[in-house]
Amino acid sequence: MKFTAKQIADILEGNIVGNPDAEVSKLSKIEEGTVGSLTFLSNPKYNSFIYTTKASVTIVNKSFQPEKEIESTLIKVDDAYKAFSKLLEFYNEVKNNKSGRENPHFIASSATIGENEYVGAYAYIGENVVLGKNVKIYPNSYIGDNSVIGDNSVIFAGVKVYSESQIGKNCKIHSGTVIGSDGFGFAPNEDGEYKAIPQIGNVIIEDNVDVGSNSTIDRATLGSTIIRKGVKLDNQIQVAHNVEIGKNTVIASQTGIAGSTKIGENCMIGGQVGIVGHITIGNNVRIQAQSGIGKSLKEGEVVQGTPAFGYSDYSKSYVYFKNLPKLASTIHKIEKELNTQKTNNE
C-alpha cells in the first residue's frame, strides 16, 4: 500500500513542509530510513538523524525548527509520537481489513454469521456458533460448538476456541492461543492412578480484551473462567480453571495463574510471575517480574521476590543480599579477632 504525504497529513491533521506528493509504502526508524519509508521524530536525542535519514516523509512536532537543510518531507503535528501511534492503528486497520470467505472452510448450517465477516482458508466454525458484525476468523482457526464472538473481534491464524466459549466485542486473540481447554483437574483412585475430573464449565472473555500468542485459558470445572473488560495478556500466559481477572489488568509474558485465584482490577503483573491457586489479589496491585505469589495480597500492595513481600523491603534486603560475601568476611574477621583476644586473656 502506498500513501502520499498529503494523505497522511489529512489523517493526522498536520501541516506539510516539502513535497505533498512524496510517496511512502513502509515504516522505519529515523536512523534506518530509506527512500519510500515513513518515520517520526519526537525525542530530541535523535535530532541529528533527521539531517541524514533517507526516509521520504518524517512526522515531527510543530515546535521542531531545523538547523540546516532536510531532504525528507516533514509533516508537523502537535505530538509526533501520538500521531505516529495513530497512524500505526490506521495502517493496521487497512492491512487487516479483510472480508469474505476463503476456500476451503467449514461453517455449520446452524451457525449465525454477522455481516462483513472474514473467514480464512481451513477455518472451522461449529454448530450454533454466533459471530457478530465485522468478526474476522483467520486461516486454520477452530471455533467450537455453541461459542459466541462479539462485533469487531479478530481471531488470528491457528487459534483454537473450544465449545461454549464466549468472547466479547473488540477483542484480539493472537495466533496459537487456546481458549477453553480442560482445566488441570485430576483425582487419585485406589490404585494411585490419577483420573481426570470432567471440566464442564466455560471461558468468558469480556469486551476489549487482547490475548497474546500461545497463551492458554482453561475452561472452568464448574461455572466460568472469566477475563473482564480491558484486560491485556501478553504471549505465553497460562490462566487455569475458574480464575477471574479483573478489568484493565495487564499481565506480562510467561506468567502462570493457578486455579480459582481471583485477581482484581487495574493490576500490573510482570513477566514470569507464578501465582498459586485459591487466593485473592486486590485491586491496583503491582507484582514485579519473577515473583512467586503464595498468599493473598491486599489492594494497592507492591511486591517482589519468591516468596514475594513488600517491594520497598525487598529492595532494602537485596542491598544486604548483594553484600553477603563481604558481610560474611567481616563477621569471620571479627570472630577471629575475638578468639585471639580470648586466647591472650587466658
Protein backbone atom coordinates (compact mmCIF):
# COMPACT_ATOMS: atom_id res chain seq x y z
CA MET A 1 0.00 0.00 0.00
CA LYS A 2 1.23 3.45 -0.93
CA PHE A 3 0.29 6.74 0.70
CA THR A 4 1.26 10.30 -0.18
CA ALA A 5 2.44 12.89 2.34
CA LYS A 6 -0.83 14.77 1.73
CA GLN A 7 -2.97 11.72 2.52
CA ILE A 8 -1.03 11.15 5.74
CA ALA A 9 -1.24 14.84 6.69
CA ASP A 10 -5.02 14.75 6.18
CA ILE A 11 -5.33 11.73 8.50
CA LEU A 12 -3.17 13.38 11.17
CA GLU A 13 -4.44 16.95 10.62
CA GLY A 14 -0.83 18.04 10.14
CA ASN A 15 0.98 20.66 8.08
CA ILE A 16 3.31 19.68 5.21
CA VAL A 17 6.76 21.15 4.75
CA GLY A 18 8.13 19.83 1.47
CA ASN A 19 6.64 17.68 -1.29
CA PRO A 20 2.96 16.78 -0.68
CA ASP A 21 3.18 14.09 -3.38
CA ALA A 22 6.07 12.21 -1.72
CA GLU A 23 5.06 8.55 -1.55
CA VAL A 24 5.70 6.00 1.21
CA SER A 25 4.94 2.29 1.38
CA LYS A 26 6.73 1.19 4.56
CA LEU A 27 7.66 2.33 8.06
CA SER A 28 11.14 2.73 9.53
CA LYS A 29 13.19 4.05 12.43
CA ILE A 30 14.55 7.50 11.67
CA GLU A 31 18.17 6.26 11.77
CA GLU A 32 17.31 3.45 9.34
CA GLY A 33 15.08 5.41 6.96
CA THR A 34 15.19 4.59 3.25
CA VAL A 35 13.54 6.07 0.18
CA GLY A 36 9.84 5.25 0.28
CA SER A 37 9.66 4.92 4.06
CA LEU A 38 7.79 6.93 6.70
CA THR A 39 9.35 7.71 10.08
CA PHE A 40 8.90 10.11 13.00
CA LEU A 41 10.98 12.28 15.34
CA SER A 42 9.75 13.07 18.86
CA ASN A 43 12.80 12.60 21.09
CA PRO A 44 15.42 15.42 20.75
CA LYS A 45 18.06 12.76 21.39
CA TYR A 46 17.55 11.64 17.77
CA ASN A 47 17.53 15.12 16.17
CA SER A 48 20.81 14.55 14.34
CA PHE A 49 19.30 11.69 12.31
CA ILE A 50 16.73 13.93 10.62
CA TYR A 51 19.55 15.54 8.61
CA THR A 52 20.86 12.17 7.37
CA THR A 53 17.75 10.00 7.10
CA LYS A 54 16.69 8.85 3.64
CA ALA A 55 13.04 8.48 4.73
CA SER A 56 10.73 10.15 2.23
CA VAL A 57 8.37 11.51 4.92
CA THR A 58 9.04 12.33 8.60
CA ILE A 59 6.45 13.27 11.22
CA VAL A 60 7.75 15.94 13.62
CA ASN A 61 6.44 18.18 16.38
CA LYS A 62 5.23 21.63 15.35
CA SER A 63 7.86 23.08 17.69
CA PHE A 64 10.70 21.48 15.70
CA GLN A 65 12.90 24.04 13.92
CA PRO A 66 15.56 22.60 11.57
CA GLU A 67 19.11 23.92 11.87
CA LYS A 68 20.03 23.03 8.29
CA GLU A 69 18.53 21.59 5.11
CA ILE A 70 16.44 18.43 5.36
CA GLU A 71 15.87 16.06 2.46
CA SER A 72 12.75 14.40 3.91
CA THR A 73 9.26 15.90 3.56
CA LEU A 74 8.03 16.93 7.01
CA ILE A 75 4.54 16.62 8.46
CA LYS A 76 4.22 18.88 11.51
CA VAL A 77 1.77 17.85 14.25
CA ASP A 78 1.13 18.70 17.91
CA ASP A 79 2.62 15.43 19.18
CA ALA A 80 4.70 13.34 16.77
CA TYR A 81 4.71 10.23 18.96
CA LYS A 82 0.92 10.16 19.38
CA ALA A 83 0.43 10.95 15.70
CA PHE A 84 2.68 8.07 14.64
CA SER A 85 0.78 5.74 17.00
CA LYS A 86 -2.49 6.88 15.44
CA LEU A 87 -1.05 6.19 12.02
CA LEU A 88 0.02 2.69 13.08
CA GLU A 89 -3.55 1.98 14.21
CA PHE A 90 -4.87 3.23 10.87
CA TYR A 91 -2.31 1.14 8.98
CA ASN A 92 -3.28 -1.96 10.95
CA GLU A 93 -6.96 -1.39 10.22
CA VAL A 94 -6.30 -1.06 6.50
CA LYS A 95 -3.92 -4.04 6.43
CA ASN A 96 -6.32 -6.29 8.32
CA ASN A 97 -9.49 -5.12 6.60
CA LYS A 98 -10.24 -8.49 5.08
CA SER A 99 -13.73 -9.69 4.21
CA GLY A 100 -15.40 -12.64 2.53
CA ARG A 101 -14.83 -16.38 2.81
CA GLU A 102 -11.81 -18.24 1.53
CA ASN A 103 -11.99 -21.83 0.41
CA PRO A 104 -11.88 -24.45 1.73
CA HIS A 105 -13.64 -23.69 5.02
CA PHE A 106 -16.41 -25.24 7.10
CA ILE A 107 -19.35 -23.34 8.60
CA ALA A 108 -22.08 -25.39 10.28
CA SER A 109 -25.58 -24.74 8.94
CA SER A 110 -26.74 -23.79 12.45
CA ALA A 111 -24.09 -21.08 12.84
CA THR A 112 -25.10 -17.40 12.71
CA ILE A 113 -22.60 -15.12 10.97
CA GLY A 114 -22.83 -11.29 11.14
CA GLU A 115 -22.27 -9.01 8.17
CA ASN A 116 -18.86 -8.09 6.76
CA GLU A 117 -17.27 -11.25 8.13
CA TYR A 118 -13.93 -12.73 7.14
CA VAL A 119 -13.43 -16.49 7.26
CA GLY A 120 -9.96 -17.64 6.23
CA ALA A 121 -9.00 -20.86 4.49
CA TYR A 122 -9.30 -24.06 6.55
CA ALA A 123 -11.22 -22.31 9.30
CA TYR A 124 -13.82 -24.42 11.14
CA ILE A 125 -16.95 -22.87 12.66
CA GLY A 126 -19.06 -25.32 14.62
CA GLU A 127 -22.72 -25.87 15.44
CA ASN A 128 -24.73 -22.97 16.88
CA VAL A 129 -21.76 -20.59 16.82
CA VAL A 130 -22.71 -16.90 16.79
CA LEU A 131 -20.35 -14.38 15.20
CA GLY A 132 -21.12 -10.66 15.43
CA LYS A 133 -20.54 -7.98 12.80
CA ASN A 134 -17.07 -7.45 11.32
CA VAL A 135 -15.64 -10.55 13.00
CA LYS A 136 -12.51 -11.90 11.37
CA ILE A 137 -11.54 -15.57 11.65
CA TYR A 138 -8.09 -16.10 10.15
CA PRO A 139 -6.94 -19.35 8.47
CA ASN A 140 -6.62 -22.64 10.36
CA SER A 141 -8.69 -21.42 13.32
CA TYR A 142 -11.25 -23.56 15.12
CA ILE A 143 -14.41 -22.16 16.73
CA GLY A 144 -16.14 -24.87 18.75
CA ASP A 145 -19.86 -25.53 19.07
CA ASN A 146 -22.08 -23.01 20.88
CA SER A 147 -19.35 -20.37 21.08
CA VAL A 148 -20.10 -16.65 20.76
CA ILE A 149 -17.77 -13.96 19.40
CA GLY A 150 -18.81 -10.29 19.57
CA ASP A 151 -18.64 -7.50 16.99
CA ASN A 152 -15.27 -6.39 15.59
CA SER A 153 -13.28 -9.15 17.27
CA VAL A 154 -10.32 -10.75 15.50
CA ILE A 155 -9.29 -14.39 15.83
CA PHE A 156 -5.84 -14.71 14.28
CA ALA A 157 -4.45 -17.75 12.47
CA GLY A 158 -4.28 -21.03 14.31
CA VAL A 159 -6.37 -20.07 17.34
CA LYS A 160 -8.45 -22.82 18.94
CA VAL A 161 -11.65 -21.77 20.71
CA TYR A 162 -13.28 -24.74 22.43
CA SER A 163 -17.04 -25.19 22.73
CA GLU A 164 -19.24 -22.93 24.89
CA SER A 165 -16.65 -20.13 24.99
CA GLN A 166 -17.82 -16.52 24.97
CA ILE A 167 -15.66 -13.73 23.55
CA GLY A 168 -16.84 -10.11 23.68
CA LYS A 169 -16.62 -7.16 21.30
CA ASN A 170 -13.38 -5.62 20.02
CA CYS A 171 -11.18 -8.46 21.23
CA LYS A 172 -7.98 -9.73 19.64
CA ILE A 173 -6.89 -13.31 20.14
CA HIS A 174 -3.43 -13.91 18.68
CA SER A 175 -2.05 -16.95 16.91
CA GLY A 176 -1.55 -20.22 18.72
CA THR A 177 -3.79 -19.34 21.66
CA VAL A 178 -6.11 -21.99 23.08
CA ILE A 179 -9.29 -20.91 24.84
CA GLY A 180 -11.48 -23.34 26.77
CA SER A 181 -9.24 -26.40 27.01
CA ASP A 182 -9.70 -28.60 30.09
CA GLY A 183 -8.50 -27.32 33.41
CA PHE A 184 -5.83 -29.34 35.25
CA GLY A 185 -8.17 -31.44 37.36
CA PHE A 186 -7.26 -34.99 38.40
CA ALA A 187 -8.06 -37.15 41.42
CA PRO A 188 -6.16 -40.30 42.50
CA ASN A 189 -8.09 -43.58 42.66
CA GLU A 190 -7.49 -46.60 44.92
CA ASP A 191 -4.56 -47.74 42.76
CA GLY A 192 -2.84 -44.39 42.96
CA GLU A 193 -3.61 -43.61 39.34
CA TYR A 194 -4.96 -40.17 38.50
CA LYS A 195 -8.37 -39.91 36.90
CA ALA A 196 -9.47 -36.77 35.08
CA ILE A 197 -12.26 -34.75 36.67
CA PRO A 198 -14.69 -33.60 33.95
CA GLN A 199 -14.35 -29.88 33.24
CA ILE A 200 -17.84 -28.79 32.23
CA GLY A 201 -17.64 -25.02 32.69
CA ASN A 202 -16.59 -22.48 30.08
CA VAL A 203 -14.49 -19.37 29.43
CA ILE A 204 -15.95 -15.86 29.30
CA ILE A 205 -13.84 -13.09 27.81
CA GLU A 206 -15.46 -9.66 28.03
CA ASP A 207 -15.06 -6.67 25.66
CA ASN A 208 -11.78 -5.01 24.60
CA VAL A 209 -9.52 -7.86 25.71
CA ASP A 210 -6.22 -8.71 24.00
CA VAL A 211 -4.71 -12.18 24.41
CA GLY A 212 -1.14 -12.71 23.17
CA SER A 213 0.20 -15.59 21.10
CA ASN A 214 0.45 -19.12 22.51
CA SER A 215 -1.47 -18.33 25.68
CA THR A 216 -3.92 -20.78 27.25
CA ILE A 217 -7.10 -20.02 29.14
CA ASP A 218 -8.67 -23.14 30.66
CA ARG A 219 -12.38 -23.74 31.00
CA ALA A 220 -13.83 -23.88 34.49
CA THR A 221 -14.55 -27.13 36.28
CA LEU A 222 -17.98 -25.66 37.06
CA GLY A 223 -19.09 -22.12 36.27
CA SER A 224 -16.73 -19.89 34.27
CA THR A 225 -13.15 -18.76 33.94
CA ILE A 226 -13.61 -15.00 33.46
CA ILE A 227 -11.42 -12.36 31.82
CA ARG A 228 -13.01 -8.96 32.49
CA LYS A 229 -13.19 -5.90 30.20
CA GLY A 230 -10.00 -4.29 29.02
CA VAL A 231 -7.60 -6.99 30.23
CA LYS A 232 -4.35 -7.27 28.26
CA LEU A 233 -2.48 -10.58 28.33
CA ASP A 234 0.99 -10.94 26.83
CA ASN A 235 2.28 -14.02 24.97
CA GLN A 236 2.67 -17.42 26.64
CA ILE A 237 0.46 -16.93 29.66
CA GLN A 238 -1.35 -19.76 31.47
CA VAL A 239 -4.71 -18.99 33.06
CA ALA A 240 -6.07 -22.03 34.91
CA HIS A 241 -9.66 -23.16 35.54
CA ASN A 242 -12.04 -20.84 37.44
CA VAL A 243 -9.57 -17.96 37.54
CA GLU A 244 -11.06 -14.47 37.37
CA ILE A 245 -9.03 -11.47 36.17
CA GLY A 246 -10.45 -8.01 36.93
CA LYS A 247 -10.93 -5.28 34.33
CA ASN A 248 -7.98 -3.34 32.89
CA THR A 249 -5.40 -5.64 34.47
CA VAL A 250 -2.24 -6.20 32.41
CA ILE A 251 -0.06 -9.32 32.66
CA ALA A 252 3.35 -9.84 31.03
CA SER A 253 4.70 -12.95 29.35
CA GLN A 254 5.24 -16.40 30.89
CA THR A 255 3.09 -15.75 33.93
CA GLY A 256 1.13 -18.71 35.31
CA ILE A 257 -2.03 -18.38 37.41
CA ALA A 258 -3.26 -21.49 39.22
CA GLY A 259 -6.91 -22.50 39.60
CA SER A 260 -9.63 -20.47 41.32
CA THR A 261 -7.47 -17.42 42.03
CA LYS A 262 -9.21 -14.04 41.79
CA ILE A 263 -7.20 -11.06 40.53
CA GLY A 264 -8.57 -7.55 40.99
CA GLU A 265 -8.93 -4.55 38.70
CA ASN A 266 -6.10 -2.37 37.34
CA CYS A 267 -3.34 -4.72 38.47
CA MET A 268 0.06 -4.85 36.78
CA ILE A 269 1.83 -8.22 36.81
CA GLY A 270 5.36 -8.63 35.44
CA GLY A 271 6.79 -11.47 33.40
CA GLN A 272 7.48 -14.97 34.76
CA VAL A 273 5.31 -14.49 37.82
CA GLY A 274 3.91 -17.63 39.47
CA ILE A 275 0.61 -17.32 41.35
CA VAL A 276 -0.77 -20.18 43.46
CA GLY A 277 -4.41 -21.19 43.40
CA HIS A 278 -7.35 -20.26 45.61
CA ILE A 279 -6.08 -16.82 46.67
CA THR A 280 -7.35 -13.27 46.13
CA ILE A 281 -5.29 -10.39 44.76
CA GLY A 282 -6.80 -6.95 45.41
CA ASN A 283 -7.29 -4.04 43.03
CA ASN A 284 -4.31 -1.90 41.90
CA VAL A 285 -1.70 -4.46 42.98
CA ARG A 286 1.77 -4.35 41.37
CA ILE A 287 3.79 -7.58 41.15
CA GLN A 288 7.38 -7.32 39.95
CA ALA A 289 8.78 -9.80 37.41
CA GLN A 290 9.83 -13.32 38.50
CA SER A 291 7.93 -13.10 41.78
CA GLY A 292 6.24 -16.05 43.46
CA ILE A 293 2.85 -15.27 44.98
CA GLY A 294 1.88 -17.77 47.66
CA LYS A 295 -0.76 -15.84 49.60
CA SER A 296 -3.49 -13.26 49.07
CA LEU A 297 -2.50 -9.63 48.50
CA LYS A 298 -4.38 -6.56 49.70
CA GLU A 299 -5.42 -3.66 47.49
CA GLY A 300 -2.55 -1.45 46.33
CA GLU A 301 0.29 -3.72 47.50
CA VAL A 302 3.56 -3.65 45.52
CA VAL A 303 5.57 -6.85 45.92
CA GLN A 304 8.66 -8.64 44.65
CA GLY A 305 10.61 -11.82 45.34
CA THR A 306 9.93 -15.50 45.93
CA PRO A 307 8.06 -15.76 48.15
CA ALA A 308 7.04 -12.19 47.41
CA PHE A 309 6.97 -9.44 50.02
CA GLY A 310 6.84 -5.63 50.04
CA TYR A 311 8.81 -4.06 47.19
CA SER A 312 10.45 -1.44 49.42
CA ASP A 313 11.56 -4.08 51.95
CA TYR A 314 12.73 -6.30 49.10
CA SER A 315 14.90 -3.52 47.66
CA LYS A 316 16.48 -2.85 51.07
CA SER A 317 17.02 -6.56 51.70
CA TYR A 318 18.60 -7.02 48.29
CA VAL A 319 21.29 -4.50 49.19
CA TYR A 320 22.28 -6.75 52.10
CA PHE A 321 21.96 -9.87 49.95
CA LYS A 322 24.40 -8.47 47.38
CA ASN A 323 26.86 -7.73 50.18
CA LEU A 324 26.56 -11.12 51.91
CA PRO A 325 30.09 -12.30 50.93
CA LYS A 326 31.56 -9.06 52.27
CA LEU A 327 29.43 -9.25 55.44
CA ALA A 328 30.42 -12.90 55.97
CA SER A 329 34.09 -11.99 55.59
CA THR A 330 33.69 -9.18 58.11
CA ILE A 331 31.96 -11.48 60.60
CA HIS A 332 34.72 -14.13 60.23
CA LYS A 333 37.33 -11.44 60.77
CA ILE A 334 35.56 -10.23 63.95
CA GLU A 335 35.25 -13.83 65.22
CA LYS A 336 38.95 -14.42 64.60
CA GLU A 337 39.88 -11.23 66.49
CA LEU A 338 37.59 -12.17 69.41
CA ASN A 339 39.11 -15.66 69.58
CA THR A 340 42.61 -14.17 69.55
CA GLN A 341 41.70 -11.80 72.39
CA LYS A 342 40.16 -14.66 74.36
CA THR A 343 43.30 -16.77 73.92
CA ASN A 344 45.53 -13.90 75.01
CA ASN A 345 43.38 -13.25 78.09
CA GLU A 346 43.67 -16.86 79.12
